Amino acid sequence: MIRHEPWLGEELVKHGFLIRDLSNIPPLMKGYFRISIKTKEINDLFLNILSKLR
């Protein structure tokens, strides 16, 4: 689970990542989401994109 500004989830979707918005699960709110990473390669790509979005 990740808590961040909502724009991060939107950017990850633009890069092809599927995310699950958790804002409909009390007490969570907008900006909470979950991402599942299955392989080392996808994890490396995810970390690379995160470092560029900072």
PDB file of N, CA and C in Angstrom:
ATOM      1  N   MET A   1       0.853  -1.163   0.000  1.00  0.00           N
ATOM      2  CA  MET A   1       0.000   0.000   0.000  1.00  0.00           C
ATOM      3  C   MET A   1       0.900   1.227   0.000  1.00  0.00           C
ATOM      4  N   ILE A   2       0.485   2.208  -0.765  1.00  0.00           N
ATOM      5  CA  ILE A   2       1.233   3.445  -0.898  1.00  0.00           C
ATOM      6  C   ILE A   2       0.307   4.603  -0.531  1.00  0.00           C
ATOM      7  N   ARG A   3       0.849   5.562   0.201  1.00  0.00           N
ATOM      8  CA  ARG A   3       0.113   6.801   0.454  1.00  0.00           C
ATOM      9  C   ARG A   3       0.934   7.933  -0.128  1.00  0.00           C
ATOM     10  N   HIS A   4       0.332   8.647  -1.048  1.00  0.00           N
ATOM     11  CA  HIS A   4       1.019   9.740  -1.711  1.00  0.00           C
ATOM     12  C   HIS A   4      -0.022  10.674  -2.294  1.00  0.00           C
ATOM     13  N   GLU A   5       0.427  11.743  -2.853  1.00  0.00           N
ATOM     14  CA  GLU A   5      -0.481  12.648  -3.550  1.00  0.00           C
ATOM     15  C   GLU A   5      -1.142  11.875  -4.699  1.00  0.00           C
ATOM     16  N   PRO A   6      -2.411  12.144  -4.965  1.00  0.00           N
ATOM     17  CA  PRO A   6      -3.136  11.392  -5.998  1.00  0.00           C
ATOM     18  C   PRO A   6      -2.485  11.420  -7.382  1.00  0.00           C
ATOM     19  N   TRP A   7      -1.717  12.446  -7.702  1.00  0.00           N
ATOM     20  CA  TRP A   7      -1.094  12.518  -9.024  1.00  0.00           C
ATOM     21  C   TRP A   7      -0.134  11.353  -9.273  1.00  0.00           C
ATOM     22  N   LEU A   8       0.454  10.792  -8.212  1.00  0.00           N
ATOM     23  CA  LEU A   8       1.402   9.696  -8.416  1.00  0.00           C
ATOM     24  C   LEU A   8       0.701   8.487  -9.019  1.00  0.00           C
ATOM     25  N   GLY A   9      -0.458   8.139  -8.509  1.00  0.00           N
ATOM     26  CA  GLY A   9      -1.214   7.019  -9.077  1.00  0.00           C
ATOM     27  C   GLY A   9      -1.558   7.253 -10.533  1.00  0.00           C
ATOM     28  N   GLU A  10      -1.943   8.480 -10.855  1.00  0.00           N
ATOM     29  CA  GLU A  10      -2.272   8.824 -12.237  1.00  0.00           C
ATOM     30  C   GLU A  10      -1.049   8.687 -13.141  1.00  0.00           C
ATOM     31  N   GLU A  11       0.105   9.108 -12.665  1.00  0.00           N
ATOM     32  CA  GLU A  11       1.336   8.986 -13.451  1.00  0.00           C
ATOM     33  C   GLU A  11       1.735   7.520 -13.652  1.00  0.00           C
ATOM     34  N   LEU A  12       1.576   6.712 -12.624  1.00  0.00           N
ATOM     35  CA  LEU A  12       1.915   5.294 -12.753  1.00  0.00           C
ATOM     36  C   LEU A  12       1.021   4.612 -13.783  1.00  0.00           C
ATOM     37  N   VAL A  13      -0.246   4.981 -13.817  1.00  0.00           N
ATOM     38  CA  VAL A  13      -1.163   4.433 -14.824  1.00  0.00           C
ATOM     39  C   VAL A  13      -0.694   4.833 -16.220  1.00  0.00           C
ATOM     40  N   LYS A  14      -0.246   6.058 -16.393  1.00  0.00           N
ATOM     41  CA  LYS A  14       0.261   6.525 -17.690  1.00  0.00           C
ATOM     42  C   LYS A  14       1.455   5.698 -18.145  1.00  0.00           C
ATOM     43  N   HIS A  15       2.218   5.158 -17.189  1.00  0.00           N
ATOM     44  CA  HIS A  15       3.386   4.347 -17.518  1.00  0.00           C
ATOM     45  C   HIS A  15       3.048   2.859 -17.602  1.00  0.00           C
ATOM     46  N   GLY A  16       1.774   2.516 -17.569  1.00  0.00           N
ATOM     47  CA  GLY A  16       1.351   1.142 -17.782  1.00  0.00           C
ATOM     48  C   GLY A  16       1.170   0.301 -16.531  1.00  0.00           C
ATOM     49  N   PHE A  17       1.283   0.904 -15.366  1.00  0.00           N
ATOM     50  CA  PHE A  17       1.080   0.152 -14.131  1.00  0.00           C
ATOM     51  C   PHE A  17      -0.395   0.140 -13.772  1.00  0.00           C
ATOM     52  N   LEU A  18      -0.858  -0.985 -13.283  1.00  0.00           N
ATOM     53  CA  LEU A  18      -2.223  -1.083 -12.788  1.00  0.00           C
ATOM     54  C   LEU A  18      -2.193  -0.821 -11.292  1.00  0.00           C
ATOM     55  N   ILE A  19      -3.059   0.044 -10.848  1.00  0.00           N
ATOM     56  CA  ILE A  19      -3.119   0.338  -9.427  1.00  0.00           C
ATOM     57  C   ILE A  19      -4.545   0.134  -8.946  1.00  0.00           C
ATOM     58  N   ARG A  20      -4.682  -0.117  -7.668  1.00  0.00           N
ATOM     59  CA  ARG A  20      -6.010  -0.221  -7.061  1.00  0.00           C
ATOM     60  C   ARG A  20      -6.176   0.953  -6.118  1.00  0.00           C
ATOM     61  N   ASP A  21      -7.154   1.776  -6.416  1.00  0.00           N
ATOM     62  CA  ASP A  21      -7.479   2.915  -5.572  1.00  0.00           C
ATOM     63  C   ASP A  21      -8.133   2.392  -4.299  1.00  0.00           C
ATOM     64  N   LEU A  22      -7.600   2.767  -3.154  1.00  0.00           N
ATOM     65  CA  LEU A  22      -8.112   2.291  -1.870  1.00  0.00           C
ATOM     66  C   LEU A  22      -8.940   3.343  -1.137  1.00  0.00           C
ATOM     67  N   SER A  23      -9.277   4.428  -1.820  1.00  0.00           N
ATOM     68  CA  SER A  23      -9.981   5.515  -1.153  1.00  0.00           C
ATOM     69  C   SER A  23     -11.401   5.140  -0.726  1.00  0.00           C
ATOM     70  N   ASN A  24     -11.935   4.039  -1.236  1.00  0.00           N
ATOM     71  CA  ASN A  24     -13.292   3.640  -0.849  1.00  0.00           C
ATOM     72  C   ASN A  24     -13.298   2.683   0.348  1.00  0.00           C
ATOM     73  N   ILE A  25     -12.142   2.472   0.972  1.00  0.00           N
ATOM     74  CA  ILE A  25     -12.031   1.602   2.135  1.00  0.00           C
ATOM     75  C   ILE A  25     -11.786   2.477   3.370  1.00  0.00           C
ATOM     76  N   PRO A  26     -12.809   2.626   4.216  1.00  0.00           N
ATOM     77  CA  PRO A  26     -12.629   3.461   5.415  1.00  0.00           C
ATOM     78  C   PRO A  26     -11.546   2.881   6.320  1.00  0.00           C
ATOM     79  N   PRO A  27     -10.720   3.643   6.919  1.00  0.00           N
ATOM     80  CA  PRO A  27     -10.676   5.106   6.981  1.00  0.00           C
ATOM     81  C   PRO A  27      -9.750   5.715   5.931  1.00  0.00           C
ATOM     82  N   LEU A  28      -9.390   4.952   4.914  1.00  0.00           N
ATOM     83  CA  LEU A  28      -8.477   5.473   3.894  1.00  0.00           C
ATOM     84  C   LEU A  28      -9.160   6.559   3.080  1.00  0.00           C
ATOM     85  N   MET A  29      -8.364   7.367   2.399  1.00  0.00           N
ATOM     86  CA  MET A  29      -8.900   8.467   1.610  1.00  0.00           C
ATOM     87  C   MET A  29      -8.133   8.558   0.301  1.00  0.00           C
ATOM     88  N   LYS A  30      -8.466   9.540  -0.494  1.00  0.00           N
ATOM     89  CA  LYS A  30      -7.794   9.724  -1.777  1.00  0.00           C
ATOM     90  C   LYS A  30      -6.292   9.841  -1.546  1.00  0.00           C
ATOM     91  N   GLY A  31      -5.540   9.159  -2.363  1.00  0.00           N
ATOM     92  CA  GLY A  31      -4.090   9.163  -2.224  1.00  0.00           C
ATOM     93  C   GLY A  31      -3.548   7.843  -1.713  1.00  0.00           C
ATOM     94  N   TYR A  32      -4.429   6.935  -1.282  1.00  0.00           N
ATOM     95  CA  TYR A  32      -4.007   5.591  -0.883  1.00  0.00           C
ATOM     96  C   TYR A  32      -4.265   4.645  -2.050  1.00  0.00           C
ATOM     97  N   PHE A  33      -3.248   3.903  -2.427  1.00  0.00           N
ATOM     98  CA  PHE A  33      -3.450   2.917  -3.478  1.00  0.00           C
ATOM     99  C   PHE A  33      -2.496   1.755  -3.293  1.00  0.00           C
ATOM    100  N   ARG A  34      -2.773   0.705  -4.045  1.00  0.00           N
ATOM    101  CA  ARG A  34      -1.981  -0.514  -3.939  1.00  0.00           C
ATOM    102  C   ARG A  34      -1.468  -0.873  -5.316  1.00  0.00           C
ATOM    103  N   ILE A  35      -0.265  -1.364  -5.351  1.00  0.00           N
ATOM    104  CA  ILE A  35       0.326  -1.829  -6.600  1.00  0.00           C
ATOM    105  C   ILE A  35       0.974  -3.183  -6.320  1.00  0.00           C
ATOM    106  N   SER A  36       0.862  -4.077  -7.267  1.00  0.00           N
ATOM    107  CA  SER A  36       1.452  -5.403  -7.128  1.00  0.00           C
ATOM    108  C   SER A  36       2.537  -5.560  -8.182  1.00  0.00           C
ATOM    109  N   ILE A  37       3.706  -5.981  -7.747  1.00  0.00           N
ATOM    110  CA  ILE A  37       4.848  -6.141  -8.652  1.00  0.00           C
ATOM    111  C   ILE A  37       5.265  -7.605  -8.633  1.00  0.00           C
ATOM    112  N   LYS A  38       5.299  -8.222  -9.817  1.00  0.00           N
ATOM    113  CA  LYS A  38       5.513  -9.664  -9.877  1.00  0.00           C
ATOM    114  C   LYS A  38       6.958 -10.089 -10.149  1.00  0.00           C
ATOM    115  N   THR A  39       7.706  -9.277 -10.847  1.00  0.00           N
ATOM    116  CA  THR A  39       9.056  -9.705 -11.208  1.00  0.00           C
ATOM    117  C   THR A  39      10.086  -8.644 -10.831  1.00  0.00           C
ATOM    118  N   LYS A  40      11.334  -9.063 -10.794  1.00  0.00           N
ATOM    119  CA  LYS A  40      12.425  -8.136 -10.505  1.00  0.00           C
ATOM    120  C   LYS A  40      12.526  -7.067 -11.586  1.00  0.00           C
ATOM    121  N   GLU A  41      12.301  -7.448 -12.818  1.00  0.00           N
ATOM    122  CA  GLU A  41      12.391  -6.495 -13.919  1.00  0.00           C
ATOM    123  C   GLU A  41      11.328  -5.400 -13.786  1.00  0.00           C
ATOM    124  N   ILE A  42      10.115  -5.801 -13.444  1.00  0.00           N
ATOM    125  CA  ILE A  42       9.046  -4.819 -13.266  1.00  0.00           C
ATOM    126  C   ILE A  42       9.326  -3.945 -12.043  1.00  0.00           C
ATOM    127  N   ASN A  43       9.875  -4.546 -10.996  1.00  0.00           N
ATOM    128  CA  ASN A  43      10.246  -3.774  -9.819  1.00  0.00           C
ATOM    129  C   ASN A  43      11.311  -2.727 -10.165  1.00  0.00           C
ATOM    130  N   ASP A  44      12.305  -3.129 -10.944  1.00  0.00           N
ATOM    131  CA  ASP A  44      13.347  -2.184 -11.364  1.00  0.00           C
ATOM    132  C   ASP A  44      12.750  -1.046 -12.191  1.00  0.00           C
ATOM    133  N   LEU A  45      11.830  -1.377 -13.096  1.00  0.00           N
ATOM    134  CA  LEU A  45      11.160  -0.357 -13.898  1.00  0.00           C
ATOM    135  C   LEU A  45      10.348   0.583 -13.008  1.00  0.00           C
ATOM    136  N   PHE A  46       9.632   0.021 -12.049  1.00  0.00           N
ATOM    137  CA  PHE A  46       8.834   0.808 -11.110  1.00  0.00           C
ATOM    138  C   PHE A  46       9.720   1.788 -10.343  1.00  0.00           C
ATOM    139  N   LEU A  47      10.834   1.313  -9.809  1.00  0.00           N
ATOM    140  CA  LEU A  47      11.745   2.179  -9.054  1.00  0.00           C
ATOM    141  C   LEU A  47      12.355   3.255  -9.945  1.00  0.00           C
ATOM    142  N   ASN A  48      12.665   2.911 -11.186  1.00  0.00           N
ATOM    143  CA  ASN A  48      13.222   3.870 -12.126  1.00  0.00           C
ATOM    144  C   ASN A  48      12.208   4.994 -12.406  1.00  0.00           C
ATOM    145  N   ILE A  49      10.963   4.611 -12.634  1.00  0.00           N
ATOM    146  CA  ILE A  49       9.929   5.609 -12.896  1.00  0.00           C
ATOM    147  C   ILE A  49       9.689   6.472 -11.660  1.00  0.00           C
ATOM    148  N   LEU A  50       9.653   5.854 -10.483  1.00  0.00           N
ATOM    149  CA  LEU A  50       9.466   6.631  -9.245  1.00  0.00           C
ATOM    150  C   LEU A  50      10.565   7.664  -9.067  1.00  0.00           C
ATOM    151  N   SER A  51      11.798   7.276  -9.363  1.00  0.00           N
ATOM    152  CA  SER A  51      12.901   8.219  -9.190  1.00  0.00           C
ATOM    153  C   SER A  51      12.783   9.396 -10.167  1.00  0.00           C
ATOM    154  N   LYS A  52      12.215   9.179 -11.337  1.00  0.00           N
ATOM    155  CA  LYS A  52      12.048  10.255 -12.314  1.00  0.00           C
ATOM    156  C   LYS A  52      10.868  11.165 -11.973  1.00  0.00           C
ATOM    157  N   LEU A  53       9.871  10.625 -11.272  1.00  0.00           N
ATOM    158  CA  LEU A  53       8.677  11.407 -10.959  1.00  0.00           C
ATOM    159  C   LEU A  53       8.842  12.290  -9.733  1.00  0.00           C
ATOM    160  N   ARG A  54       9.858  12.108  -8.964  1.00  0.00           N
ATOM    161  CA  ARG A  54      10.074  12.903  -7.749  1.00  0.00           C
ATOM    162  C   ARG A  54      10.159  14.307  -8.090  1.00  0.00           C
TER     163      ARG A  54
END
